Amino acid sequence: MRISTRRRQGKLTVAAVSATVGAALLATAIPANADTAIAHPGDAHQSATLVERVTGTGDIAASTAAPGTPAKAVTDADGNAVTITTPDKATGTLNAAANGSTFGLKLPATKDVDGVKAGAGTVVYPNAAPATDFAVQPTKDGGARALVTLKDDQAPKSHRFRLDLPQGTDITEDGQGGFQLTREASEGVHVPVGTIDAPWAKDANGDAVPTSYKLDGNDIVQTVETNDKTAFPVVADPKLTWGWVTGTAYFNRKETNTIANNGAMSGAVSGFLPPGLNIYWGAHAAAITTTAVKAKNAKKCIKIKFAAGIFIPGQYSGGYCK
């Protein structure tokens, strides 16, 4: 699973690993917990090689693995510092922290396998479930990929990721197969604080394998639909991003009416924005106000999509529009 601000998708090309490449990986890999000995480190190196051929390595964030601690990466996404901490055990929780809040994603492992940092920075948990490896890649955009490798047709087809959401955080489907995480930034205004991208999966031939999510309480269940034509191993990727992410702010009916009646700069309606974006809000105040008036008259609410200083107001109903 990927935790992320920007969506990226790797390209899979599975090839045999030469003895030279294998030896180089073996020489450079270190345990995610530097005090932990790994019984079969070669498994981790091979798994890291496979997933990095799928995802590429250009967006993997640098991380540290001090003795007795899990691997940790600190990235700057749009001026927002995000700390990604990988679990030192496969049964642990991947954490993403920013702005004083922490999002947790528990890996679906069934064995308490030690993490190994290998390749370009992938932390691998080999054989952490039947015929299944797990891996985590902190990414430079303030996110992380949680990768599942199904090694053969005996591997489980469904994997359950337990979410640990900060108080006041809601999760909703984004209409594209993933999820949007939002919080109430001020009364009547919900803003995105994280995303879980739509999943993807590729088999050993580079062919897409159908995969999807189902939300079950505080769990996200990913199902990978393999069949007798699937070439193993199969790599699947959920990706998560935490912190302030570009997206859409949703205003309820009361705040929509406030903007319509008093203008976009009225009251606290622009106070939900982080420093810097307030300036852009003012530059788009006229268009925002006009859209709010139209939404009010149509008994709808205003929503505002924002990215890179561009604000695009629109109308919506249902959800937070009440």
Protein backbone atom coordinates (compact mmCIF):
# COMPACT_ATOMS: atom_id res chain seq x y z
CA MET A 1 0.00 0.00 0.00
CA ARG A 2 1.25 3.43 -0.76
CA ILE A 3 0.95 6.44 1.49
CA SER A 4 1.43 9.46 -0.81
CA THR A 5 0.96 13.07 -1.93
CA ARG A 6 1.67 12.37 -5.55
CA ARG A 7 0.72 9.26 -7.38
CA ARG A 8 3.38 7.29 -9.09
CA GLN A 9 3.30 3.84 -10.53
CA GLY A 10 6.25 1.68 -11.28
CA LYS A 11 6.95 -0.42 -14.32
CA LEU A 12 7.65 -4.12 -13.88
CA THR A 13 10.33 -6.01 -15.69
CA VAL A 14 11.32 -9.22 -13.90
CA ALA A 15 14.67 -10.66 -14.89
CA ALA A 16 17.11 -13.13 -13.41
CA VAL A 17 19.54 -11.60 -10.96
CA SER A 18 23.14 -12.16 -11.94
CA ALA A 19 25.66 -13.43 -9.44
CA THR A 20 27.42 -10.05 -9.54
CA VAL A 21 24.26 -8.09 -8.72
CA GLY A 22 23.29 -10.56 -6.02
CA ALA A 23 26.70 -10.28 -4.40
CA ALA A 24 26.58 -6.48 -4.48
CA LEU A 25 23.20 -6.44 -2.78
CA LEU A 26 24.37 -8.90 -0.17
CA ALA A 27 27.35 -6.71 0.63
CA THR A 28 25.38 -3.45 1.00
CA ALA A 29 22.18 -4.52 2.75
CA ILE A 30 21.80 -3.90 6.48
CA PRO A 31 19.09 -4.95 8.93
CA ALA A 32 16.38 -2.35 9.52
CA ASN A 33 17.09 -3.09 13.17
CA ALA A 34 20.88 -3.12 13.20
CA ASP A 35 21.05 -5.36 16.29
CA THR A 36 19.04 -8.13 14.63
CA ALA A 37 20.58 -11.10 12.86
CA ILE A 38 18.78 -12.39 9.77
CA ALA A 39 18.61 -16.14 9.26
CA HIS A 40 18.31 -15.98 5.45
CA PRO A 41 19.41 -12.53 4.26
CA GLY A 42 19.57 -13.71 0.66
CA ASP A 43 15.77 -13.92 0.59
CA ALA A 44 15.52 -10.23 1.49
CA HIS A 45 18.01 -9.18 -1.18
CA GLN A 46 16.18 -11.11 -3.89
CA SER A 47 12.85 -9.69 -2.79
CA ALA A 48 14.24 -6.13 -2.76
CA THR A 49 15.63 -6.62 -6.26
CA LEU A 50 12.23 -7.80 -7.50
CA VAL A 51 10.16 -4.98 -6.01
CA GLU A 52 12.66 -2.30 -7.05
CA ARG A 53 12.48 -3.53 -10.63
CA VAL A 54 8.73 -3.00 -10.36
CA THR A 55 8.71 0.39 -8.61
CA GLY A 56 11.99 1.86 -9.75
CA THR A 57 14.32 3.51 -7.26
CA GLY A 58 14.24 7.19 -8.21
CA ASP A 59 11.64 8.20 -5.62
CA ILE A 60 12.83 6.06 -2.69
CA ALA A 61 13.74 8.37 0.20
CA ALA A 62 17.02 8.02 2.09
CA SER A 63 16.54 6.42 5.50
CA THR A 64 18.62 5.63 8.56
CA ALA A 65 18.70 2.42 10.58
CA ALA A 66 20.42 3.05 13.90
CA PRO A 67 21.16 0.11 16.23
CA GLY A 68 18.01 -1.06 17.97
CA THR A 69 15.67 1.16 15.95
CA PRO A 70 13.60 0.70 12.79
CA ALA A 71 14.47 2.47 9.54
CA LYS A 72 13.33 6.10 9.49
CA ALA A 73 13.08 8.66 6.69
CA VAL A 74 12.32 12.38 6.97
CA THR A 75 11.07 14.04 3.80
CA ASP A 76 9.84 17.48 2.84
CA ALA A 77 6.63 17.42 0.83
CA ASP A 78 5.51 20.88 -0.31
CA GLY A 79 7.21 22.48 2.69
CA ASN A 80 5.71 19.95 5.09
CA ALA A 81 8.06 17.64 7.02
CA VAL A 82 6.85 14.03 7.10
CA THR A 83 8.60 11.30 9.09
CA ILE A 84 8.14 7.72 7.88
CA THR A 85 9.08 5.00 10.36
CA THR A 86 9.15 1.41 9.15
CA PRO A 87 8.47 -1.41 11.63
CA ASP A 88 11.48 -3.43 12.72
CA LYS A 89 9.23 -6.53 12.73
CA ALA A 90 6.77 -7.63 10.06
CA THR A 91 3.97 -7.71 12.62
CA GLY A 92 4.61 -4.05 13.48
CA THR A 93 3.10 -0.82 12.20
CA LEU A 94 4.27 1.55 9.49
CA ASN A 95 3.93 5.10 10.84
CA ALA A 96 3.75 8.46 9.05
CA ALA A 97 3.93 11.59 11.22
CA ALA A 98 3.37 15.24 10.27
CA ASN A 99 1.86 18.35 11.85
CA GLY A 100 1.67 16.71 15.26
CA SER A 101 -0.42 13.73 14.13
CA THR A 102 0.50 10.17 13.21
CA PHE A 103 -1.09 7.73 10.79
CA GLY A 104 -0.47 4.03 11.33
CA LEU A 105 -0.72 1.13 8.89
CA LYS A 106 -0.26 -2.36 10.32
CA LEU A 107 1.25 -4.84 7.89
CA PRO A 108 -0.76 -8.05 7.29
CA ALA A 109 2.05 -10.38 8.38
CA THR A 110 1.47 -13.67 10.20
CA LYS A 111 5.11 -14.23 11.20
CA ASP A 112 7.27 -11.97 13.37
CA VAL A 113 10.02 -11.60 10.76
CA ASP A 114 12.83 -9.04 11.13
CA GLY A 115 13.03 -6.23 8.56
CA VAL A 116 16.10 -5.96 6.32
CA LYS A 117 17.09 -2.77 4.52
CA ALA A 118 18.34 -3.79 1.10
CA GLY A 119 18.91 -2.51 -2.42
CA ALA A 120 18.27 1.23 -2.80
CA GLY A 121 16.49 1.50 0.56
CA THR A 122 13.64 -1.01 0.49
CA VAL A 123 12.92 -2.61 3.88
CA VAL A 124 11.95 -6.23 3.27
CA TYR A 125 10.18 -8.78 5.49
CA PRO A 126 10.78 -12.11 3.71
CA ASN A 127 8.32 -14.98 4.17
CA ALA A 128 6.25 -12.95 6.64
CA ALA A 129 3.11 -14.81 5.50
CA PRO A 130 2.69 -18.09 3.61
CA ALA A 131 4.49 -17.75 0.24
CA THR A 132 4.42 -13.97 0.74
CA ASP A 133 7.03 -11.26 1.28
CA PHE A 134 6.23 -7.74 2.46
CA ALA A 135 8.29 -4.61 1.86
CA VAL A 136 8.16 -0.91 2.71
CA GLN A 137 9.63 1.97 0.68
CA PRO A 138 9.63 5.51 2.13
CA THR A 139 9.14 7.92 -0.77
CA LYS A 140 10.43 11.43 -1.37
CA ASP A 141 6.93 12.91 -1.63
CA GLY A 142 6.15 12.32 2.05
CA GLY A 143 4.64 8.90 1.57
CA ALA A 144 5.42 5.22 1.64
CA ARG A 145 4.68 2.13 -0.38
CA ALA A 146 3.74 -1.09 1.41
CA LEU A 147 4.42 -3.83 -1.12
CA VAL A 148 3.11 -7.37 -1.17
CA THR A 149 4.92 -10.07 -3.18
CA LEU A 150 2.92 -13.24 -3.87
CA LYS A 151 5.58 -15.81 -4.64
CA ASP A 152 3.35 -18.60 -5.97
CA ASP A 153 -0.27 -19.69 -6.24
CA GLN A 154 -0.28 -20.82 -2.62
CA ALA A 155 0.03 -17.23 -1.37
CA PRO A 156 -3.10 -15.67 0.19
CA LYS A 157 -5.03 -13.58 -2.34
CA SER A 158 -6.38 -11.13 0.25
CA HIS A 159 -4.40 -9.06 2.74
CA ARG A 160 -5.80 -6.98 5.60
CA PHE A 161 -4.11 -3.69 6.54
CA ARG A 162 -5.23 -2.27 9.89
CA LEU A 163 -5.51 1.55 9.94
CA ASP A 164 -4.68 3.65 12.98
CA LEU A 165 -6.27 7.02 12.25
CA PRO A 166 -5.81 10.12 14.44
CA GLN A 167 -8.92 11.30 16.24
CA GLY A 168 -11.12 13.41 13.99
CA THR A 169 -9.86 11.83 10.77
CA ASP A 170 -12.38 10.41 8.31
CA ILE A 171 -11.76 7.99 5.46
CA THR A 172 -13.89 8.07 2.32
CA GLU A 173 -13.66 6.49 -1.12
CA ASP A 174 -12.13 8.82 -3.69
CA GLY A 175 -14.09 7.43 -6.64
CA GLN A 176 -10.93 6.11 -8.31
CA GLY A 177 -10.39 2.93 -6.31
CA GLY A 178 -8.48 4.55 -3.44
CA PHE A 179 -9.34 6.55 -0.35
CA GLN A 180 -9.07 10.12 0.87
CA LEU A 181 -8.30 10.93 4.50
CA THR A 182 -9.77 14.19 5.75
CA ARG A 183 -10.09 16.15 8.97
CA GLU A 184 -12.19 19.09 10.10
CA ALA A 185 -9.73 21.97 9.84
CA SER A 186 -12.20 24.53 11.13
CA GLU A 187 -15.90 24.39 11.85
CA GLY A 188 -17.64 23.23 8.71
CA VAL A 189 -14.48 22.76 6.62
CA HIS A 190 -12.96 19.36 5.89
CA VAL A 191 -9.56 19.18 4.22
CA PRO A 192 -7.45 16.28 2.96
CA VAL A 193 -4.58 15.16 5.19
CA GLY A 194 -3.69 11.96 3.41
CA THR A 195 -4.42 9.63 0.54
CA ILE A 196 -4.36 5.92 -0.10
CA ASP A 197 -3.86 5.47 -3.82
CA ALA A 198 -5.80 2.95 -5.87
CA PRO A 199 -3.89 -0.35 -5.77
CA TRP A 200 -2.07 -1.98 -8.65
CA ALA A 201 -0.49 -5.38 -9.18
CA LYS A 202 1.86 -6.81 -11.84
CA ASP A 203 2.88 -10.35 -12.55
CA ALA A 204 6.29 -11.66 -13.61
CA ASN A 205 5.54 -10.92 -17.27
CA GLY A 206 4.72 -7.29 -16.52
CA ASP A 207 1.00 -7.88 -17.06
CA ALA A 208 -1.53 -6.11 -14.85
CA VAL A 209 -3.33 -8.32 -12.34
CA PRO A 210 -6.80 -7.19 -11.18
CA THR A 211 -6.73 -5.89 -7.61
CA SER A 212 -9.04 -3.83 -5.44
CA TYR A 213 -9.71 -2.54 -1.92
CA LYS A 214 -12.60 -3.05 0.44
CA LEU A 215 -13.04 -0.93 3.57
CA ASP A 216 -14.01 -3.08 6.56
CA GLY A 217 -14.29 -0.94 9.68
CA ASN A 218 -10.75 0.32 10.35
CA ASP A 219 -9.24 -2.23 7.97
CA ILE A 220 -8.45 -2.00 4.29
CA VAL A 221 -8.58 -5.41 2.62
CA GLN A 222 -6.68 -5.73 -0.65
CA THR A 223 -7.60 -8.61 -2.94
CA VAL A 224 -5.39 -9.70 -5.84
CA GLU A 225 -7.26 -11.79 -8.41
CA THR A 226 -4.74 -14.30 -9.75
CA ASN A 227 -5.69 -17.23 -11.98
CA ASP A 228 -4.10 -20.16 -13.80
CA LYS A 229 -2.60 -17.78 -16.38
CA THR A 230 -0.88 -15.55 -13.81
CA ALA A 231 2.92 -15.63 -13.91
CA PHE A 232 4.37 -15.55 -10.41
CA PRO A 233 5.76 -13.74 -8.52
CA VAL A 234 3.13 -11.00 -8.37
CA VAL A 235 3.95 -7.62 -6.81
CA ALA A 236 1.07 -5.47 -5.49
CA ASP A 237 1.36 -1.94 -4.15
CA PRO A 238 -0.82 0.02 -1.79
CA LYS A 239 0.59 3.55 -1.30
CA LEU A 240 -0.15 6.04 1.44
CA THR A 241 0.66 9.71 1.91
CA TRP A 242 0.29 11.65 5.12
CA GLY A 243 0.50 15.33 6.09
CA TRP A 244 -0.93 18.24 4.13
CA VAL A 245 -1.78 16.95 0.68
CA THR A 246 -3.16 18.70 -2.34
CA GLY A 247 -6.75 17.82 -3.00
CA THR A 248 -10.20 19.19 -2.33
CA ALA A 249 -11.59 21.05 0.67
CA TYR A 250 -15.27 20.44 1.41
CA PHE A 251 -17.42 23.16 3.01
CA ASN A 252 -20.71 22.42 4.74
CA ARG A 253 -23.90 24.37 4.06
CA LYS A 254 -23.34 26.91 6.83
CA GLU A 255 -19.86 27.85 5.63
CA THR A 256 -21.03 27.88 2.02
CA ASN A 257 -23.69 30.43 2.98
CA THR A 258 -21.11 32.48 4.91
CA ILE A 259 -18.91 32.73 1.81
CA ALA A 260 -21.91 33.48 -0.42
CA ASN A 261 -23.21 36.22 1.86
CA ASN A 262 -19.96 37.82 3.03
CA GLY A 263 -17.29 36.88 0.49
CA ALA A 264 -14.43 34.39 0.47
CA MET A 265 -12.30 36.45 2.88
CA SER A 266 -14.96 36.50 5.60
CA GLY A 267 -14.60 35.04 9.07
CA ALA A 268 -12.53 31.91 9.53
CA VAL A 269 -13.32 30.22 6.25
CA SER A 270 -9.84 30.89 4.87
CA GLY A 271 -8.14 30.02 8.15
CA PHE A 272 -8.04 26.30 7.34
CA LEU A 273 -5.18 26.88 4.90
CA PRO A 274 -1.54 26.43 5.90
CA PRO A 275 0.78 29.48 5.67
CA GLY A 276 1.48 30.44 2.07
CA LEU A 277 -1.71 29.11 0.54
CA ASN A 278 -3.73 31.91 2.20
CA ILE A 279 -2.24 34.34 -0.32
CA TYR A 280 -3.48 32.25 -3.24
CA TRP A 281 -6.92 31.96 -1.63
CA GLY A 282 -7.19 35.76 -1.69
CA ALA A 283 -6.22 35.85 -5.35
CA HIS A 284 -9.12 33.52 -6.17
CA ALA A 285 -11.63 35.09 -3.75
CA ALA A 286 -13.95 36.46 -6.45
CA ALA A 287 -14.36 33.12 -8.24
CA ILE A 288 -14.82 31.32 -4.93
CA THR A 289 -17.53 33.76 -3.82
CA THR A 290 -19.39 33.50 -7.14
CA THR A 291 -19.42 29.69 -6.95
CA ALA A 292 -20.61 29.80 -3.33
CA VAL A 293 -23.56 31.97 -4.36
CA LYS A 294 -24.50 29.49 -7.10
CA ALA A 295 -24.18 26.55 -4.66
CA LYS A 296 -26.34 28.32 -2.08
CA ASN A 297 -29.06 29.03 -4.62
CA ALA A 298 -28.98 25.39 -5.77
CA LYS A 299 -29.13 24.15 -2.13
CA LYS A 300 -25.70 22.61 -2.54
CA CYS A 301 -22.30 23.23 -0.95
CA ILE A 302 -19.01 24.54 -2.27
CA LYS A 303 -15.90 22.43 -2.69
CA ILE A 304 -12.51 23.82 -3.67
CA LYS A 305 -9.83 21.83 -5.41
CA PHE A 306 -6.36 23.19 -4.84
CA ALA A 307 -2.87 22.34 -6.09
CA ALA A 308 0.26 24.41 -6.67
CA GLY A 309 -1.50 27.65 -5.78
CA ILE A 310 -4.46 27.08 -8.12
CA PHE A 311 -7.96 27.02 -6.61
CA ILE A 312 -10.84 25.57 -8.62
CA PRO A 313 -14.23 26.02 -6.89
CA GLY A 314 -17.14 23.68 -7.59
CA GLN A 315 -20.41 22.44 -6.13
CA TYR A 316 -21.36 19.16 -4.44
CA SER A 317 -24.16 17.56 -2.45
CA GLY A 318 -24.24 14.74 0.10
CA GLY A 319 -21.29 13.82 2.30
CA TYR A 320 -20.29 16.86 4.38
CA CYS A 321 -22.97 19.04 2.73
CA LYS A 322 -25.42 19.24 5.60
